[in-house]
């Protein structure tokens, strides 16, 4: 860590990391959305045959 301090790199606290990464909630919403779209696309495909 001492080498990074020479370049002006600082550690981030938990709040800064969450603001940068966006937290887990958007990732969970995206996962549910992808699952729902694939499920309904598959169901639609089966009904069309």
Protein backbone atom coordinates (compact mmCIF):
# COMPACT_ATOMS: atom_id res chain seq x y z
CA UNK A 1 0.00 0.00 0.00
CA UNK A 2 2.93 2.32 0.57
CA UNK A 3 3.79 2.32 -3.15
CA UNK A 4 0.28 3.45 -4.08
CA UNK A 5 0.38 6.29 -1.56
CA UNK A 6 3.40 7.66 -3.42
CA UNK A 7 1.19 8.03 -6.50
CA UNK A 8 -1.60 9.78 -4.59
CA UNK A 9 -3.95 6.76 -4.49
CA UNK A 10 -6.13 6.70 -1.40
CA UNK A 11 -8.28 4.00 0.15
CA UNK A 12 -12.04 4.25 -0.19
CA UNK A 13 -14.38 3.76 2.74
CA UNK A 14 -17.51 1.56 2.58
CA UNK A 15 -19.79 4.44 1.56
CA UNK A 16 -17.53 5.47 -1.32
CA UNK A 17 -17.29 1.88 -2.52
CA UNK A 18 -21.08 1.51 -2.47
CA UNK A 19 -21.53 4.77 -4.39
CA UNK A 20 -18.96 3.68 -6.96
CA UNK A 21 -20.19 0.11 -7.36
CA UNK A 22 -23.89 0.91 -7.04
CA UNK A 23 -24.62 -1.71 -4.41
CA UNK A 24 -26.23 -5.12 -4.89
CA UNK A 25 -29.83 -4.01 -5.47
CA UNK A 26 -29.37 -2.89 -9.11
CA UNK A 27 -27.59 -6.17 -9.83
CA UNK A 28 -30.47 -8.18 -8.35
CA UNK A 29 -33.03 -6.18 -10.34
CA UNK A 30 -31.06 -6.82 -13.53
CA UNK A 31 -30.86 -10.55 -12.79
CA UNK A 32 -34.63 -10.79 -12.22
CA UNK A 33 -35.29 -8.81 -15.38
CA UNK A 34 -33.05 -11.04 -17.51
CA UNK A 35 -34.69 -14.15 -16.05
CA UNK A 36 -38.20 -12.81 -16.69
CA UNK A 37 -37.46 -11.82 -20.27
CA UNK A 38 -35.89 -15.19 -21.07
CA UNK A 39 -38.75 -17.06 -19.40
CA UNK A 40 -41.47 -15.19 -21.29
CA UNK A 41 -39.54 -15.36 -24.56
CA UNK A 42 -39.30 -19.14 -24.17
CA UNK A 43 -42.99 -19.43 -23.32
CA UNK A 44 -43.93 -17.30 -26.33
CA UNK A 45 -41.72 -19.41 -28.59
CA UNK A 46 -43.37 -22.62 -27.34
CA UNK A 47 -46.87 -21.21 -27.91
CA UNK A 48 -46.03 -20.19 -31.49
CA UNK A 49 -45.06 -23.73 -32.50
